[in-house]
C-alpha cells in the first residue's frame, strides 16, 4: 500500500500527465510551430517557452501557500480553505467555460507568457495546492514543525516535477500528431476538455477539504 507521501507525489505526476494531454496547455501550438516551419525540430523548440511559462504559473501559486502553511504551523482551517478555493474555482469554470478574451491577444511568438497566462487562467496551479499542503503536513507531523525552507523547497520541486511530466506528455502527443496523425486527428477526433477540467477542480477541492476536515489532529 502506498504511503501518503508516495500517493501525493503520484498525484503530482498524474496531474502533469493530465495537463500535458490537455490542449489548453499548449501542445497544439507545438504542432502548429512544426507545420509552419516544416521542420521536426520546430515542434521541440517550444519545450523551453511552454515549460518556463507553466513552471512559473505553478510556482507563483504553490510557494505562497507553503509559506502561509509555515506561518500558521498547519492550521486545519487553511487546508479546508484551500480545498474550498479549488472547488469554488472549478464551479466558476463550469459556469463560465470560455477563456478570457485577452488570452487571444497574446502573440504566438510569446509562448512563455502565453503558457503562464493560460495555466493561471485555468487554475492549473490551484489543482496542486491540496497536494502541496498535504506534503507540508506530513513534514510537520514528522518533525513537529515545518521549516520555511523545507516548505518552499517542496513547492519548487513539485512545480519542477509536474512541469517536466506535463511537457513530456504534451510534446509526445504533439510529435505524434505532427509526424503521423496530422491535423485531421484534432478536427475529427478531439473533444472539449473544459468541462472535464472544471469538474476535476471541483472533485479535487472537495476531496481535499473533506480530508482536512476529518484529519485526526491539528498541529497549529
N, C-alpha and C. Protein backbone atom coordinates (compact mmCIF):
# COMPACT_ATOMS: atom_id res chain seq x y z
N UNK A 1 0.84 -1.20 0.00
CA UNK A 1 0.00 0.00 0.00
C UNK A 1 0.87 1.24 0.00
N UNK A 2 0.51 2.23 -0.83
CA UNK A 2 1.30 3.44 -0.94
C UNK A 2 1.19 4.27 0.33
N UNK A 3 2.31 4.89 0.71
CA UNK A 3 2.28 5.83 1.83
C UNK A 3 1.61 7.11 1.37
N UNK A 4 1.23 7.96 2.32
CA UNK A 4 0.58 9.22 1.98
C UNK A 4 1.49 10.10 1.13
N UNK A 5 2.78 10.09 1.46
CA UNK A 5 3.73 10.91 0.71
C UNK A 5 3.89 10.40 -0.72
N UNK A 6 4.00 9.07 -0.87
CA UNK A 6 4.13 8.49 -2.21
C UNK A 6 2.89 8.76 -3.04
N UNK A 7 1.72 8.66 -2.41
CA UNK A 7 0.47 8.93 -3.12
C UNK A 7 0.40 10.39 -3.56
N UNK A 8 0.93 11.29 -2.73
CA UNK A 8 0.93 12.71 -3.08
C UNK A 8 1.80 12.97 -4.31
N UNK A 9 2.98 12.37 -4.33
CA UNK A 9 3.87 12.57 -5.49
C UNK A 9 3.30 11.89 -6.73
N UNK A 10 2.60 10.79 -6.54
CA UNK A 10 1.93 10.17 -7.68
C UNK A 10 0.87 11.10 -8.24
N UNK A 11 0.21 11.83 -7.34
CA UNK A 11 -0.77 12.82 -7.77
C UNK A 11 -0.12 13.95 -8.56
N UNK A 12 1.05 14.38 -8.14
CA UNK A 12 1.79 15.42 -8.86
C UNK A 12 2.08 14.97 -10.29
N UNK A 13 2.54 13.72 -10.43
CA UNK A 13 2.84 13.16 -11.75
C UNK A 13 1.56 12.99 -12.56
N UNK A 14 0.50 12.50 -11.90
CA UNK A 14 -0.76 12.29 -12.60
C UNK A 14 -1.34 13.58 -13.15
N UNK A 15 -1.29 14.65 -12.35
CA UNK A 15 -1.77 15.94 -12.84
C UNK A 15 -0.87 16.45 -13.96
N UNK A 16 0.42 16.11 -13.92
CA UNK A 16 1.31 16.50 -15.01
C UNK A 16 0.91 15.85 -16.31
N UNK A 17 0.57 14.57 -16.25
CA UNK A 17 0.09 13.87 -17.45
C UNK A 17 -1.20 14.51 -17.96
N UNK A 18 -2.11 14.76 -17.03
CA UNK A 18 -3.41 15.35 -17.38
C UNK A 18 -3.24 16.71 -18.02
N UNK A 19 -2.40 17.56 -17.44
CA UNK A 19 -2.17 18.89 -18.01
C UNK A 19 -1.47 18.80 -19.36
N UNK A 20 -0.54 17.87 -19.48
CA UNK A 20 0.19 17.74 -20.74
C UNK A 20 -0.69 17.34 -21.90
N UNK A 21 -1.65 16.45 -21.65
CA UNK A 21 -2.54 15.98 -22.71
C UNK A 21 -3.67 16.96 -23.02
N UNK A 22 -3.92 17.88 -22.11
CA UNK A 22 -4.97 18.87 -22.34
C UNK A 22 -4.50 19.90 -23.36
N UNK A 23 -5.22 20.09 -24.46
CA UNK A 23 -4.77 21.04 -25.48
C UNK A 23 -4.68 22.47 -24.98
N UNK A 24 -5.39 22.80 -23.92
CA UNK A 24 -5.36 24.16 -23.39
C UNK A 24 -3.99 24.54 -22.85
N UNK A 25 -3.16 23.55 -22.55
CA UNK A 25 -1.83 23.83 -22.01
C UNK A 25 -0.76 23.99 -23.10
N UNK A 26 -1.14 23.85 -24.36
CA UNK A 26 -0.24 24.30 -25.41
C UNK A 26 0.29 23.33 -26.44
N UNK A 27 0.01 22.01 -26.33
CA UNK A 27 0.64 21.13 -27.30
C UNK A 27 0.19 21.40 -28.74
N UNK A 28 -1.04 21.88 -29.02
CA UNK A 28 -1.37 22.20 -30.41
C UNK A 28 -0.48 23.30 -30.99
N UNK A 29 0.04 24.19 -30.12
CA UNK A 29 0.96 25.23 -30.61
C UNK A 29 2.27 24.62 -31.07
N UNK A 30 2.69 23.54 -30.42
CA UNK A 30 3.90 22.85 -30.85
C UNK A 30 3.69 22.23 -32.23
N UNK A 31 2.51 21.66 -32.44
CA UNK A 31 2.17 21.10 -33.76
C UNK A 31 2.18 22.21 -34.81
N UNK A 32 1.53 23.32 -34.49
CA UNK A 32 1.45 24.44 -35.43
C UNK A 32 2.83 24.99 -35.75
N UNK A 33 3.71 25.04 -34.75
CA UNK A 33 5.06 25.54 -34.97
C UNK A 33 5.83 24.64 -35.93
N UNK A 34 5.65 23.33 -35.77
CA UNK A 34 6.31 22.39 -36.67
C UNK A 34 5.78 22.48 -38.08
N UNK A 35 4.46 22.61 -38.23
CA UNK A 35 3.87 22.70 -39.56
C UNK A 35 4.26 24.00 -40.26
N UNK A 36 4.34 25.08 -39.50
CA UNK A 36 4.70 26.37 -40.10
C UNK A 36 6.15 26.37 -40.59
N UNK A 37 7.03 25.79 -39.80
CA UNK A 37 8.45 25.78 -40.16
C UNK A 37 8.82 24.59 -41.05
N UNK A 38 7.92 23.58 -41.10
CA UNK A 38 8.17 22.34 -41.85
C UNK A 38 9.46 21.66 -41.42
N UNK A 39 9.70 21.71 -40.14
CA UNK A 39 10.89 21.06 -39.57
C UNK A 39 10.50 20.34 -38.29
N UNK A 40 11.03 19.13 -38.11
CA UNK A 40 10.76 18.38 -36.89
C UNK A 40 11.23 19.15 -35.65
N UNK A 41 12.39 19.79 -35.77
CA UNK A 41 12.96 20.47 -34.62
C UNK A 41 12.07 21.60 -34.12
N UNK A 42 11.25 22.16 -35.00
CA UNK A 42 10.39 23.26 -34.60
C UNK A 42 9.34 22.83 -33.58
N UNK A 43 8.94 21.57 -33.62
CA UNK A 43 7.99 21.06 -32.63
C UNK A 43 8.62 21.11 -31.24
N UNK A 44 9.87 20.68 -31.15
CA UNK A 44 10.54 20.61 -29.85
C UNK A 44 11.12 21.95 -29.42
N UNK A 45 11.13 22.93 -30.35
CA UNK A 45 11.61 24.26 -29.98
C UNK A 45 10.68 24.95 -29.00
N UNK A 46 9.47 24.41 -28.84
CA UNK A 46 8.50 25.01 -27.92
C UNK A 46 8.69 24.51 -26.48
N UNK A 47 9.61 23.57 -26.27
CA UNK A 47 9.80 22.99 -24.93
C UNK A 47 10.10 24.07 -23.90
N UNK A 48 11.09 24.90 -24.17
CA UNK A 48 11.54 25.88 -23.19
C UNK A 48 10.46 26.93 -22.88
N UNK A 49 9.91 27.62 -23.89
CA UNK A 49 8.92 28.65 -23.54
C UNK A 49 7.67 28.10 -22.88
N UNK A 50 7.13 27.00 -23.39
CA UNK A 50 5.94 26.42 -22.76
C UNK A 50 6.24 25.92 -21.35
N UNK A 51 7.41 25.31 -21.19
CA UNK A 51 7.79 24.79 -19.89
C UNK A 51 8.03 25.89 -18.87
N UNK A 52 8.74 26.93 -19.26
CA UNK A 52 9.03 28.03 -18.34
C UNK A 52 7.74 28.71 -17.90
N UNK A 53 6.84 28.96 -18.85
CA UNK A 53 5.58 29.61 -18.51
C UNK A 53 4.76 28.79 -17.54
N UNK A 54 4.67 27.48 -17.79
CA UNK A 54 3.89 26.61 -16.92
C UNK A 54 4.53 26.49 -15.54
N UNK A 55 5.86 26.39 -15.51
CA UNK A 55 6.58 26.28 -14.24
C UNK A 55 6.34 27.51 -13.37
N UNK A 56 6.41 28.68 -13.97
CA UNK A 56 6.18 29.91 -13.21
C UNK A 56 4.74 29.98 -12.70
N UNK A 57 3.80 29.52 -13.52
CA UNK A 57 2.39 29.53 -13.10
C UNK A 57 2.18 28.61 -11.90
N UNK A 58 2.91 27.49 -11.86
CA UNK A 58 2.81 26.60 -10.71
C UNK A 58 3.45 27.24 -9.48
N UNK A 59 4.64 27.80 -9.66
CA UNK A 59 5.41 28.32 -8.53
C UNK A 59 4.73 29.49 -7.85
N UNK A 60 4.15 30.41 -8.63
CA UNK A 60 3.55 31.60 -8.02
C UNK A 60 2.31 31.26 -7.20
N UNK A 61 1.75 30.08 -7.39
CA UNK A 61 0.62 29.63 -6.58
C UNK A 61 1.10 28.79 -5.40
N UNK A 62 2.00 27.84 -5.66
CA UNK A 62 2.41 26.88 -4.64
C UNK A 62 3.27 27.51 -3.54
N UNK A 63 4.22 28.35 -3.92
CA UNK A 63 5.14 28.92 -2.92
C UNK A 63 4.41 29.75 -1.86
N UNK A 64 3.52 30.68 -2.25
CA UNK A 64 2.81 31.45 -1.20
C UNK A 64 2.00 30.57 -0.25
N UNK A 65 1.37 29.51 -0.76
CA UNK A 65 0.59 28.64 0.09
C UNK A 65 1.47 27.90 1.09
N UNK A 66 2.64 27.45 0.64
CA UNK A 66 3.53 26.74 1.57
C UNK A 66 4.12 27.70 2.60
N UNK A 67 4.35 28.95 2.19
CA UNK A 67 4.82 29.94 3.16
C UNK A 67 3.75 30.21 4.21
N UNK A 68 2.50 30.29 3.77
CA UNK A 68 1.41 30.50 4.71
C UNK A 68 1.25 29.31 5.65
N UNK A 69 1.45 28.11 5.10
CA UNK A 69 1.36 26.90 5.92
C UNK A 69 2.43 26.92 7.01
N UNK A 70 3.62 27.42 6.67
CA UNK A 70 4.68 27.52 7.67
C UNK A 70 4.32 28.53 8.75
N UNK A 71 3.73 29.64 8.36
CA UNK A 71 3.42 30.72 9.30
C UNK A 71 2.40 30.29 10.34
N UNK A 72 1.37 29.57 9.91
CA UNK A 72 0.31 29.19 10.84
C UNK A 72 0.54 27.78 11.41
N UNK A 73 1.69 27.18 11.10
CA UNK A 73 2.02 25.84 11.58
C UNK A 73 0.90 24.83 11.31
N UNK A 74 0.42 24.88 10.13
CA UNK A 74 -0.53 23.88 9.63
C UNK A 74 -1.89 23.92 10.31
N UNK A 75 -2.54 25.02 10.14
CA UNK A 75 -3.91 25.15 10.61
C UNK A 75 -4.85 24.34 9.72
N UNK A 76 -5.76 23.60 10.35
CA UNK A 76 -6.75 22.83 9.59
C UNK A 76 -7.61 23.77 8.75
N UNK A 77 -7.86 24.96 9.27
CA UNK A 77 -8.68 25.92 8.53
C UNK A 77 -8.04 26.28 7.19
N UNK A 78 -6.71 26.36 7.16
CA UNK A 78 -6.01 26.67 5.91
C UNK A 78 -6.24 25.57 4.89
N UNK A 79 -6.14 24.32 5.33
CA UNK A 79 -6.31 23.20 4.41
C UNK A 79 -7.74 23.14 3.87
N UNK A 80 -8.69 23.35 4.76
CA UNK A 80 -10.09 23.34 4.32
C UNK A 80 -10.35 24.51 3.36
N UNK A 81 -9.80 25.68 3.72
CA UNK A 81 -9.98 26.85 2.86
C UNK A 81 -9.38 26.66 1.48
N UNK A 82 -8.20 26.03 1.42
CA UNK A 82 -7.57 25.78 0.13
C UNK A 82 -8.42 24.84 -0.72
N UNK A 83 -8.96 23.80 -0.08
CA UNK A 83 -9.81 22.87 -0.80
C UNK A 83 -11.05 23.55 -1.34
N UNK A 84 -11.67 24.39 -0.51
CA UNK A 84 -12.87 25.10 -0.95
C UNK A 84 -12.56 26.11 -2.05
N UNK A 85 -11.35 26.68 -2.01
CA UNK A 85 -10.93 27.61 -3.06
C UNK A 85 -10.84 26.90 -4.41
N UNK A 86 -10.22 25.72 -4.40
CA UNK A 86 -10.12 24.93 -5.63
C UNK A 86 -11.51 24.53 -6.11
N UNK A 87 -12.34 24.08 -5.18
CA UNK A 87 -13.71 23.68 -5.54
C UNK A 87 -14.47 24.86 -6.13
N UNK A 88 -14.37 26.01 -5.49
CA UNK A 88 -15.09 27.19 -5.97
C UNK A 88 -14.63 27.63 -7.35
N UNK A 89 -13.32 27.54 -7.59
CA UNK A 89 -12.81 27.91 -8.92
C UNK A 89 -13.32 26.94 -9.97
N UNK A 90 -13.44 25.66 -9.60
CA UNK A 90 -13.98 24.68 -10.53
C UNK A 90 -15.43 24.98 -10.88
N UNK A 91 -16.22 25.37 -9.88
CA UNK A 91 -17.62 25.74 -10.13
C UNK A 91 -17.68 26.95 -11.05
N UNK A 92 -16.77 27.92 -10.82
CA UNK A 92 -16.71 29.11 -11.67
C UNK A 92 -16.39 28.74 -13.12
N UNK A 93 -15.45 27.79 -13.29
CA UNK A 93 -15.08 27.37 -14.64
C UNK A 93 -16.23 26.62 -15.32
N UNK A 94 -17.01 25.89 -14.53
CA UNK A 94 -18.18 25.21 -15.11
C UNK A 94 -19.23 26.21 -15.55
N UNK A 95 -19.39 27.27 -14.75
CA UNK A 95 -20.39 28.29 -15.08
C UNK A 95 -19.96 29.19 -16.22
N UNK A 96 -18.64 29.45 -16.31
CA UNK A 96 -18.11 30.33 -17.36
C UNK A 96 -16.92 29.64 -18.01
N UNK A 97 -17.19 28.71 -18.93
CA UNK A 97 -16.11 27.90 -19.52
C UNK A 97 -15.24 28.62 -20.54
N UNK A 98 -15.65 29.77 -21.00
CA UNK A 98 -14.88 30.46 -22.04
C UNK A 98 -13.60 31.04 -21.48
N UNK A 99 -12.59 31.09 -22.35
CA UNK A 99 -11.32 31.68 -21.97
C UNK A 99 -11.45 33.20 -21.90
N UNK A 100 -10.70 33.85 -21.02
CA UNK A 100 -10.67 35.31 -21.03
C UNK A 100 -10.22 35.83 -22.39
N UNK A 101 -10.85 36.89 -22.87
CA UNK A 101 -10.57 37.37 -24.22
C UNK A 101 -9.13 37.82 -24.42
N UNK A 102 -8.50 38.33 -23.35
CA UNK A 102 -7.14 38.84 -23.52
C UNK A 102 -6.16 37.75 -23.91
N UNK A 103 -6.47 36.47 -23.63
CA UNK A 103 -5.56 35.39 -23.99
C UNK A 103 -5.42 35.26 -25.49
N UNK A 104 -6.47 35.63 -26.21
CA UNK A 104 -6.42 35.54 -27.67
C UNK A 104 -5.54 36.63 -28.27
N UNK A 105 -5.20 37.64 -27.47
CA UNK A 105 -4.40 38.75 -27.98
C UNK A 105 -2.91 38.57 -27.71
N UNK A 106 -2.53 37.50 -27.02
CA UNK A 106 -1.11 37.25 -26.76
C UNK A 106 -0.47 36.69 -28.02
N UNK A 107 0.55 37.34 -28.58
CA UNK A 107 1.18 36.85 -29.81
C UNK A 107 1.74 35.45 -29.64
N UNK A 108 1.60 34.59 -30.66
CA UNK A 108 2.12 33.22 -30.55
C UNK A 108 3.64 33.16 -30.40
N UNK A 109 4.32 34.29 -30.71
CA UNK A 109 5.77 34.33 -30.54
C UNK A 109 6.16 34.43 -29.07
N UNK A 110 5.21 34.75 -28.22
CA UNK A 110 5.49 34.87 -26.78
C UNK A 110 4.91 33.66 -26.06
N UNK A 111 5.44 32.50 -26.38
CA UNK A 111 4.88 31.26 -25.86
C UNK A 111 4.99 31.15 -24.34
N UNK A 112 6.09 31.62 -23.78
CA UNK A 112 6.25 31.52 -22.33
C UNK A 112 5.18 32.33 -21.61
N UNK A 113 4.95 33.55 -22.08
CA UNK A 113 3.93 34.41 -21.49
C UNK A 113 2.55 33.79 -21.68
N UNK A 114 2.29 33.28 -22.88
CA UNK A 114 1.01 32.63 -23.15
C UNK A 114 0.80 31.43 -22.24
N UNK A 115 1.83 30.61 -22.08
CA UNK A 115 1.74 29.42 -21.24
C UNK A 115 1.45 29.79 -19.79
N UNK A 116 2.11 30.83 -19.31
CA UNK A 116 1.89 31.28 -17.94
C UNK A 116 0.45 31.75 -17.75
N UNK A 117 -0.02 32.58 -18.67
CA UNK A 117 -1.38 33.12 -18.56
C UNK A 117 -2.43 32.02 -18.67
N UNK A 118 -2.24 31.09 -19.60
CA UNK A 118 -3.23 30.04 -19.80
C UNK A 118 -3.31 29.12 -18.58
N UNK A 119 -2.17 28.72 -18.05
CA UNK A 119 -2.17 27.86 -16.88
C UNK A 119 -2.79 28.56 -15.68
N UNK A 120 -2.51 29.86 -15.54
CA UNK A 120 -3.08 30.63 -14.44
C UNK A 120 -4.58 30.77 -14.59
N UNK A 121 -5.03 31.10 -15.81
CA UNK A 121 -6.46 31.29 -16.05
C UNK A 121 -7.25 30.01 -15.82
N UNK A 122 -6.63 28.87 -16.07
CA UNK A 122 -7.30 27.59 -15.90
C UNK A 122 -7.20 27.06 -14.46
N UNK A 123 -6.45 27.75 -13.61
CA UNK A 123 -6.30 27.27 -12.24
C UNK A 123 -5.45 26.02 -12.15
N UNK A 124 -4.50 25.86 -13.07
CA UNK A 124 -3.67 24.65 -13.08
C UNK A 124 -2.86 24.53 -11.79
N UNK A 125 -2.33 25.65 -11.30
CA UNK A 125 -1.57 25.60 -10.07
C UNK A 125 -2.43 25.29 -8.86
N UNK A 126 -3.67 25.76 -8.87
CA UNK A 126 -4.57 25.50 -7.75
C UNK A 126 -4.81 24.01 -7.54
N UNK A 127 -4.78 23.24 -8.63
CA UNK A 127 -5.02 21.81 -8.52
C UNK A 127 -3.96 21.13 -7.67
N UNK A 128 -2.77 21.73 -7.62
CA UNK A 128 -1.67 21.12 -6.86
C UNK A 128 -1.60 21.61 -5.43
N UNK A 129 -2.34 22.65 -5.09
CA UNK A 129 -2.26 23.22 -3.74
C UNK A 129 -2.61 22.20 -2.65
N UNK A 130 -3.72 21.45 -2.78
CA UNK A 130 -4.02 20.46 -1.74
C UNK A 130 -2.91 19.44 -1.55
N UNK A 131 -2.27 19.04 -2.64
CA UNK A 131 -1.17 18.08 -2.54
C UNK A 131 0.02 18.71 -1.83
N UNK A 132 0.33 19.96 -2.18
CA UNK A 132 1.45 20.65 -1.54
C UNK A 132 1.22 20.79 -0.05
N UNK A 133 0.00 21.16 0.33
CA UNK A 133 -0.31 21.31 1.75
C UNK A 133 -0.26 19.96 2.46
N UNK A 134 -0.65 18.90 1.77
CA UNK A 134 -0.57 17.56 2.35
C UNK A 134 0.86 17.14 2.63
N UNK A 135 1.75 17.44 1.69
CA UNK A 135 3.16 17.13 1.89
C UNK A 135 3.76 17.94 3.04
N UNK A 136 3.34 19.21 3.13
CA UNK A 136 3.82 20.04 4.23
C UNK A 136 3.31 19.51 5.57
N UNK A 137 2.08 19.04 5.59
CA UNK A 137 1.50 18.49 6.81
C UNK A 137 2.26 17.24 7.25
N UNK A 138 2.63 16.42 6.28
CA UNK A 138 3.39 15.21 6.58
C UNK A 138 4.75 15.56 7.17
N UNK A 139 5.40 16.57 6.60
CA UNK A 139 6.70 17.02 7.10
C UNK A 139 6.58 17.56 8.52
N UNK A 140 5.54 18.35 8.75
CA UNK A 140 5.34 18.94 10.08
C UNK A 140 5.04 17.86 11.11
N UNK A 141 4.28 16.84 10.71
CA UNK A 141 3.93 15.76 11.63
C UNK A 141 5.17 14.96 12.03
N UNK A 142 6.11 14.79 11.10
CA UNK A 142 7.31 14.00 11.38
C UNK A 142 8.28 14.73 12.29
N UNK A 143 8.38 16.06 12.12
CA UNK A 143 9.40 16.82 12.84
C UNK A 143 8.83 17.76 13.89
N UNK A 144 7.51 17.81 14.00
CA UNK A 144 6.90 18.69 15.00
C UNK A 144 6.75 20.12 14.55
N UNK A 145 7.32 20.46 13.41
CA UNK A 145 7.19 21.81 12.85
C UNK A 145 7.54 21.75 11.38
N UNK A 146 7.24 22.83 10.68
CA UNK A 146 7.57 22.91 9.26
C UNK A 146 8.56 24.04 9.05
N UNK A 147 9.78 23.70 8.63
CA UNK A 147 10.79 24.72 8.34
C UNK A 147 10.42 25.47 7.08
N UNK A 148 10.60 26.77 7.08
CA UNK A 148 10.20 27.59 5.94
C UNK A 148 10.94 27.16 4.67
N UNK A 149 12.23 26.82 4.82
CA UNK A 149 12.99 26.40 3.65
C UNK A 149 12.49 25.09 3.08
N UNK A 150 12.05 24.19 3.97
CA UNK A 150 11.52 22.91 3.53
C UNK A 150 10.23 23.09 2.73
N UNK A 151 9.35 23.96 3.22
CA UNK A 151 8.10 24.21 2.52
C UNK A 151 8.31 24.78 1.14
N UNK A 152 9.20 25.76 1.02
CA UNK A 152 9.48 26.37 -0.28
C UNK A 152 10.14 25.36 -1.21
N UNK A 153 11.09 24.57 -0.67
CA UNK A 153 11.76 23.57 -1.49
C UNK A 153 10.77 22.54 -2.02
N UNK A 154 9.81 22.15 -1.19
CA UNK A 154 8.79 21.20 -1.62
C UNK A 154 7.95 21.79 -2.75
N UNK A 155 7.57 23.06 -2.60
CA UNK A 155 6.76 23.72 -3.62
C UNK A 155 7.51 23.80 -4.95
N UNK A 156 8.77 24.18 -4.90
CA UNK A 156 9.57 24.31 -6.12
C UNK A 156 9.78 22.94 -6.77
N UNK A 157 10.08 21.92 -5.96
CA UNK A 157 10.27 20.58 -6.50
C UNK A 157 8.99 20.06 -7.14
N UNK A 158 7.86 20.32 -6.50
CA UNK A 158 6.58 19.92 -7.08
C UNK A 158 6.37 20.57 -8.43
N UNK A 159 6.65 21.87 -8.51
CA UNK A 159 6.47 22.60 -9.76
C UNK A 159 7.37 22.04 -10.86
N UNK A 160 8.62 21.70 -10.49
CA UNK A 160 9.57 21.17 -11.47
C UNK A 160 9.15 19.79 -11.97
N UNK A 161 8.79 18.90 -11.04
CA UNK A 161 8.39 17.55 -11.44
C UNK A 161 7.13 17.59 -12.29
N UNK A 162 6.15 18.35 -11.83
CA UNK A 162 4.89 18.45 -12.56
C UNK A 162 5.10 19.00 -13.96
N UNK A 163 5.89 20.07 -14.07
CA UNK A 163 6.11 20.69 -15.38
C UNK A 163 6.87 19.76 -16.31
N UNK A 164 7.85 19.03 -15.79
CA UNK A 164 8.61 18.10 -16.62
C UNK A 164 7.70 17.02 -17.19
N UNK A 165 6.81 16.48 -16.37
CA UNK A 165 5.87 15.45 -16.84
C UNK A 165 4.90 16.06 -17.84
N UNK A 166 4.40 17.25 -17.55
CA UNK A 166 3.45 17.92 -18.44
C UNK A 166 4.05 18.14 -19.83
N UNK A 167 5.27 18.67 -19.85
CA UNK A 167 5.93 18.95 -21.13
C UNK A 167 6.22 17.66 -21.89
N UNK A 168 6.68 16.63 -21.18
CA UNK A 168 6.99 15.35 -21.84
C UNK A 168 5.75 14.76 -22.50
N UNK A 169 4.63 14.75 -21.79
CA UNK A 169 3.40 14.18 -22.34
C UNK A 169 2.84 15.05 -23.46
N UNK A 170 2.85 16.36 -23.24
CA UNK A 170 2.32 17.26 -24.26
C UNK A 170 3.09 17.20 -25.56
N UNK A 171 4.41 17.21 -25.46
CA UNK A 171 5.22 17.17 -26.68
C UNK A 171 5.19 15.80 -27.34
N UNK A 172 5.05 14.75 -26.55
CA UNK A 172 4.90 13.41 -27.14
C UNK A 172 3.64 13.35 -28.00
N UNK A 173 2.56 13.93 -27.49
CA UNK A 173 1.32 13.97 -28.25
C UNK A 173 1.46 14.88 -29.46
N UNK A 174 2.10 16.03 -29.28
CA UNK A 174 2.31 16.97 -30.39
C UNK A 174 3.13 16.32 -31.50
N UNK A 175 4.19 15.61 -31.11
CA UNK A 175 5.04 14.94 -32.08
C UNK A 175 4.27 13.86 -32.84
N UNK A 176 3.45 13.11 -32.12
CA UNK A 176 2.65 12.06 -32.75
C UNK A 176 1.67 12.65 -33.76
N UNK A 177 1.02 13.75 -33.38
CA UNK A 177 0.06 14.40 -34.29
C UNK A 177 0.79 14.98 -35.49
N UNK A 178 1.92 15.65 -35.24
CA UNK A 178 2.68 16.28 -36.33
C UNK A 178 3.24 15.25 -37.30
N UNK A 179 3.79 14.18 -36.75
CA UNK A 179 4.53 13.22 -37.58
C UNK A 179 3.64 12.20 -38.26
N UNK A 180 2.59 11.74 -37.57
CA UNK A 180 1.81 10.63 -38.11
C UNK A 180 0.31 10.90 -38.24
N UNK A 181 -0.31 11.47 -37.23
CA UNK A 181 -1.77 11.57 -37.25
C UNK A 181 -2.29 12.74 -38.09
N UNK A 182 -1.57 13.85 -38.08
CA UNK A 182 -1.98 15.00 -38.87
C UNK A 182 -3.11 15.79 -38.21
N UNK A 183 -3.46 16.91 -38.84
CA UNK A 183 -4.47 17.79 -38.28
C UNK A 183 -5.86 17.18 -38.25
N UNK A 184 -6.10 16.17 -39.07
CA UNK A 184 -7.41 15.54 -39.07
C UNK A 184 -7.72 14.92 -37.71
N UNK A 185 -6.69 14.49 -37.03
CA UNK A 185 -6.90 13.91 -35.70
C UNK A 185 -7.52 14.93 -34.77
N UNK A 186 -7.04 16.19 -34.86
CA UNK A 186 -7.55 17.24 -33.99
C UNK A 186 -8.97 17.62 -34.39
N UNK A 187 -9.21 17.80 -35.68
CA UNK A 187 -10.52 18.28 -36.14
C UNK A 187 -11.60 17.21 -36.04
N UNK A 188 -11.24 15.95 -36.17
CA UNK A 188 -12.24 14.88 -36.18
C UNK A 188 -12.35 14.11 -34.86
N UNK A 189 -11.26 13.99 -34.16
CA UNK A 189 -11.25 13.10 -33.02
C UNK A 189 -11.21 13.81 -31.67
N UNK A 190 -10.92 15.11 -31.67
CA UNK A 190 -10.75 15.77 -30.39
C UNK A 190 -12.08 16.19 -29.79
N UNK A 191 -12.11 16.29 -28.50
CA UNK A 191 -13.31 16.75 -27.81
C UNK A 191 -12.92 17.80 -26.78
N UNK A 192 -13.90 18.58 -26.38
CA UNK A 192 -13.65 19.69 -25.47
C UNK A 192 -13.45 19.18 -24.04
N UNK A 193 -12.31 19.50 -23.48
CA UNK A 193 -11.99 19.04 -22.13
C UNK A 193 -12.28 20.09 -21.07
N UNK A 194 -12.86 21.22 -21.46
CA UNK A 194 -13.08 22.28 -20.48
C UNK A 194 -13.97 21.83 -19.33
N UNK A 195 -15.06 21.14 -19.65
CA UNK A 195 -15.97 20.67 -18.59
C UNK A 195 -15.29 19.63 -17.71
N UNK A 196 -14.49 18.76 -18.33
CA UNK A 196 -13.76 17.75 -17.57
C UNK A 196 -12.75 18.42 -16.63
N UNK A 197 -12.08 19.44 -17.14
CA UNK A 197 -11.10 20.19 -16.35
C UNK A 197 -11.77 20.82 -15.14
N UNK A 198 -12.89 21.51 -15.38
CA UNK A 198 -13.60 22.19 -14.29
C UNK A 198 -14.11 21.17 -13.27
N UNK A 199 -14.65 20.05 -13.75
CA UNK A 199 -15.16 19.03 -12.84
C UNK A 199 -14.04 18.44 -11.99
N UNK A 200 -12.85 18.31 -12.57
CA UNK A 200 -11.72 17.77 -11.81
C UNK A 200 -11.28 18.74 -10.72
N UNK A 201 -11.40 20.05 -10.99
CA UNK A 201 -11.11 21.03 -9.95
C UNK A 201 -12.10 20.90 -8.78
N UNK A 202 -13.38 20.75 -9.12
CA UNK A 202 -14.40 20.59 -8.09
C UNK A 202 -14.12 19.34 -7.26
N UNK A 203 -13.80 18.24 -7.93
CA UNK A 203 -13.55 16.98 -7.23
C UNK A 203 -12.31 17.08 -6.35
N UNK A 204 -11.24 17.66 -6.90
CA UNK A 204 -10.00 17.80 -6.13
C UNK A 204 -10.22 18.65 -4.88
N UNK A 205 -10.92 19.77 -5.05
CA UNK A 205 -11.18 20.64 -3.92
C UNK A 205 -12.05 19.98 -2.87
N UNK A 206 -13.07 19.25 -3.30
CA UNK A 206 -13.97 18.59 -2.37
C UNK A 206 -13.24 17.52 -1.56
N UNK A 207 -12.41 16.73 -2.23
CA UNK A 207 -11.66 15.68 -1.53
C UNK A 207 -10.67 16.28 -0.53
N UNK A 208 -9.98 17.36 -0.97
CA UNK A 208 -9.00 18.00 -0.09
C UNK A 208 -9.67 18.57 1.16
N UNK A 209 -10.80 19.25 0.98
CA UNK A 209 -11.49 19.84 2.12
C UNK A 209 -12.01 18.76 3.07
N UNK A 210 -12.54 17.67 2.50
CA UNK A 210 -13.06 16.58 3.32
C UNK A 210 -11.95 15.90 4.11
N UNK A 211 -10.79 15.70 3.47
CA UNK A 211 -9.67 15.06 4.17
C UNK A 211 -9.15 15.95 5.30
N UNK A 212 -9.11 17.26 5.07
CA UNK A 212 -8.65 18.17 6.11
C UNK A 212 -9.64 18.20 7.28
N UNK A 213 -10.91 18.14 6.96
CA UNK A 213 -11.94 18.19 8.00
C UNK A 213 -11.88 16.96 8.91
N UNK A 214 -11.57 15.82 8.29
CA UNK A 214 -11.55 14.57 9.07
C UNK A 214 -10.17 14.22 9.61
N UNK A 215 -9.20 15.14 9.44
CA UNK A 215 -7.85 14.89 9.95
C UNK A 215 -7.91 14.69 11.48
N UNK A 216 -7.11 13.76 12.02
CA UNK A 216 -7.19 13.43 13.44
C UNK A 216 -6.79 14.53 14.39
N UNK A 217 -5.87 15.42 13.98
CA UNK A 217 -5.46 16.49 14.86
C UNK A 217 -4.91 17.64 14.05
N UNK A 218 -4.73 18.74 14.67
CA UNK A 218 -4.22 19.98 14.06
C UNK A 218 -2.95 20.39 14.77
N UNK A 219 -1.90 20.52 13.97
CA UNK A 219 -0.61 20.88 14.57
C UNK A 219 -0.52 22.34 14.94
N UNK A 220 -1.53 23.13 14.47
CA UNK A 220 -1.49 24.56 14.80
C UNK A 220 -1.94 24.76 16.21
